[in-house]
Amino acid sequence: MNKKTILLNQMAANHNEPNWFVPIDRALQGLTIEQAREKSGESNSIWEIVNHLIFWNERYLQRFKGNSPHQKVESNDETFENKNGQDWEAAKDQLFAILTDWATVLKDAEGSIFEISAHEDRHDPWYSVLAHINIHNAYHIGQIVEIRKSKGNWDSNKGVH
C-alpha cells in the first residue's frame, strides 16, 4: 500500500466509511439544530466544531489546489464561529462537499507529492500536512461523539458503545 492509498483510506474513514471509528457523516446523523448548538461550559458546541472543520479543511484544500486562502484569522478561536451565517444543514453539506473534494483532488494528484525528496530528511510537506489533517479530523469526530454521548443523544448502533 502506498502513501496516497493510506491517505485516501484515512480520508474515507473520516468522511463516510466506518472503520475503526465512526466517520463524520454518521457522527452528525440525526443531530437536531438544538443539539448541534448545545454547549457545556466553555466547550465548543458540535456546530462550532463543524465550522472549525470546514475552515481548516477548506483552507488546506485551496492551498493544495494552488489557491491562496481567502480568510485571515487572528486566532484559532475564530475558526469555530459561523462566519457564513449558514444554517445547520448547509454547514453539514459544506463539510461533506469539502471532504468529497479532498478525496477527488487527492486521487488525481501526482505521485511526486507523496515521495521523499533526496535533498530532504523528512516527508514531503504535503504528505505530512495531509496526514495531520486526517488526525485533526479524527480528533474532532471523537469529540462530537463524546459530546453526543454525554448529552444522551448518541445511538450506539451507529458504531460506538
Protein backbone atom coordinates (compact mmCIF):
# COMPACT_ATOMS: atom_id res chain seq x y z
CA MET A 1 0.00 0.00 0.00
CA ASN A 2 1.44 3.38 -0.95
CA LYS A 3 1.16 6.71 0.89
CA LYS A 4 -1.56 8.02 -1.41
CA THR A 5 -3.75 4.98 -0.73
CA ILE A 6 -3.16 5.29 3.01
CA LEU A 7 -4.19 8.96 2.98
CA LEU A 8 -7.27 8.23 0.85
CA ASN A 9 -8.29 5.41 3.20
CA GLN A 10 -7.87 7.73 6.19
CA MET A 11 -9.92 10.45 4.49
CA ALA A 12 -12.69 7.95 3.70
CA ALA A 13 -12.67 6.71 7.32
CA ASN A 14 -13.06 10.31 8.49
CA HIS A 15 -15.78 11.14 5.96
CA ASN A 16 -18.17 8.29 5.26
CA GLU A 17 -16.66 4.82 5.56
CA PRO A 18 -16.96 3.28 9.04
CA ASN A 19 -13.74 1.65 10.12
CA TRP A 20 -12.00 1.77 13.50
CA PHE A 21 -14.13 4.76 14.45
CA VAL A 22 -17.32 6.49 13.36
CA PRO A 23 -17.00 8.77 10.30
CA ILE A 24 -18.27 12.35 10.45
CA ASP A 25 -21.39 11.64 8.38
CA ARG A 26 -22.52 9.08 10.97
CA ALA A 27 -21.38 11.22 13.92
CA LEU A 28 -23.69 14.03 12.73
CA GLN A 29 -26.58 11.82 11.58
CA GLY A 30 -29.89 12.60 13.26
CA LEU A 31 -28.49 15.55 15.19
CA THR A 32 -31.02 18.34 15.59
CA ILE A 33 -30.20 22.04 15.33
CA GLU A 34 -30.75 22.39 19.07
CA GLN A 35 -28.41 19.50 19.84
CA ALA A 36 -25.78 20.88 17.44
CA ARG A 37 -25.90 24.28 19.21
CA GLU A 38 -25.88 22.95 22.77
CA LYS A 39 -22.85 23.88 24.86
CA SER A 40 -21.43 22.73 28.16
CA GLY A 41 -19.47 25.41 29.94
CA GLU A 42 -16.70 26.80 27.78
CA SER A 43 -16.52 23.79 25.47
CA ASN A 44 -17.36 24.23 21.81
CA SER A 45 -20.70 23.04 20.51
CA ILE A 46 -20.88 20.41 17.78
CA TRP A 47 -21.88 23.10 15.30
CA GLU A 48 -18.84 25.16 16.27
CA ILE A 49 -16.63 22.09 15.76
CA VAL A 50 -18.19 21.61 12.30
CA ASN A 51 -17.41 25.27 11.49
CA HIS A 52 -13.82 24.68 12.59
CA LEU A 53 -13.51 21.58 10.39
CA ILE A 54 -14.96 23.47 7.43
CA PHE A 55 -12.48 26.31 7.91
CA TRP A 56 -9.31 24.21 8.12
CA ASN A 57 -10.23 21.58 5.55
CA GLU A 58 -11.27 24.25 3.03
CA ARG A 59 -8.18 26.36 3.75
CA TYR A 60 -5.77 23.49 3.10
CA LEU A 61 -7.79 22.19 0.16
CA GLN A 62 -7.46 25.59 -1.52
CA ARG A 63 -3.72 25.63 -0.81
CA PHE A 64 -3.40 22.11 -2.21
CA LYS A 65 -5.14 23.32 -5.37
CA GLY A 66 -2.67 26.22 -5.62
CA ASN A 67 -5.07 28.94 -4.45
CA SER A 68 -4.44 31.47 -1.70
CA PRO A 69 -6.63 31.26 1.41
CA HIS A 70 -9.44 33.82 1.39
CA GLN A 71 -9.99 34.37 5.09
CA LYS A 72 -7.49 35.72 7.56
CA VAL A 73 -7.82 34.80 11.21
CA GLU A 74 -6.32 36.40 14.27
CA SER A 75 -6.75 33.30 16.41
CA ASN A 76 -7.89 29.71 16.05
CA ASP A 77 -10.92 30.56 18.20
CA GLU A 78 -12.38 32.47 15.23
CA THR A 79 -12.49 29.28 13.16
CA PHE A 80 -15.27 27.92 15.36
CA GLU A 81 -17.58 30.83 14.50
CA ASN A 82 -20.33 30.64 11.87
CA LYS A 83 -18.96 33.47 9.75
CA ASN A 84 -21.04 32.47 6.70
CA GLY A 85 -24.31 32.71 8.62
CA GLN A 86 -25.35 29.37 7.15
CA ASP A 87 -27.92 27.07 8.68
CA TRP A 88 -27.12 23.68 10.19
CA GLU A 89 -27.98 21.63 7.09
CA ALA A 90 -25.88 23.92 4.88
CA ALA A 91 -22.93 23.64 7.28
CA LYS A 92 -23.06 19.83 7.18
CA ASP A 93 -23.45 19.84 3.39
CA GLN A 94 -20.47 22.17 3.03
CA LEU A 95 -18.26 19.97 5.22
CA PHE A 96 -19.27 16.82 3.32
CA ALA A 97 -18.64 18.57 -0.03
CA ILE A 98 -15.18 19.68 1.07
CA LEU A 99 -14.30 16.16 2.21
CA THR A 100 -15.55 14.75 -1.10
CA ASP A 101 -13.49 17.34 -2.98
CA TRP A 102 -10.41 16.39 -0.94
CA ALA A 103 -10.78 12.75 -1.99
CA THR A 104 -11.22 13.74 -5.64
CA VAL A 105 -8.20 16.03 -5.84
CA LEU A 106 -6.04 13.61 -3.91
CA LYS A 107 -6.96 10.75 -6.26
CA ASP A 108 -5.88 12.96 -9.18
CA ALA A 109 -2.70 14.21 -7.50
CA GLU A 110 0.71 13.42 -8.91
CA GLY A 111 2.68 10.73 -7.13
CA SER A 112 5.64 13.03 -6.58
CA ILE A 113 3.91 14.89 -3.73
CA PHE A 114 3.98 11.63 -1.78
CA GLU A 115 7.69 10.92 -2.25
CA ILE A 116 10.60 11.78 -0.02
CA SER A 117 12.97 14.12 -1.84
CA ALA A 118 16.63 13.14 -1.99
CA HIS A 119 17.61 16.52 -0.51
CA GLU A 120 15.09 16.32 2.35
CA ASP A 121 15.45 14.29 5.51
CA ARG A 122 11.69 14.14 6.15
CA HIS A 123 8.47 13.54 4.23
CA ASP A 124 7.27 15.88 1.56
CA PRO A 125 5.36 18.70 3.27
CA TRP A 126 2.05 17.78 1.59
CA TYR A 127 2.19 14.19 2.76
CA SER A 128 2.79 15.43 6.31
CA VAL A 129 0.06 18.10 6.07
CA LEU A 130 -2.49 15.60 4.74
CA ALA A 131 -1.65 13.12 7.48
CA HIS A 132 -2.16 15.84 10.09
CA ILE A 133 -5.46 16.93 8.52
CA ASN A 134 -6.68 13.35 8.86
CA ILE A 135 -5.58 13.19 12.51
CA HIS A 136 -7.19 16.57 13.19
CA ASN A 137 -10.49 15.47 11.65
CA ALA A 138 -10.47 12.18 13.57
CA TYR A 139 -9.82 14.02 16.84
CA HIS A 140 -12.81 16.30 16.34
CA ILE A 141 -15.06 13.43 15.24
CA GLY A 142 -14.23 11.77 18.56
CA GLN A 143 -15.16 14.98 20.36
CA ILE A 144 -18.51 15.10 18.58
CA VAL A 145 -19.32 11.50 19.51
CA GLU A 146 -18.26 12.12 23.12
CA ILE A 147 -20.42 15.27 23.32
CA ARG A 148 -23.39 13.35 21.95
CA LYS A 149 -22.82 10.51 24.42
CA SER A 150 -22.58 12.94 27.34
CA LYS A 151 -25.84 14.63 26.25
CA GLY A 152 -27.65 11.32 25.85
CA ASN A 153 -28.35 11.75 22.14
CA TRP A 154 -25.93 9.19 20.73
CA ASP A 155 -27.31 6.00 19.19
CA SER A 156 -24.72 3.29 19.97
CA ASN A 157 -25.98 1.30 16.99
CA LYS A 158 -24.04 3.80 14.87
CA GLY A 159 -20.82 2.14 15.92
CA VAL A 160 -19.51 3.39 19.26
CA HIS A 161 -20.75 1.94 22.53
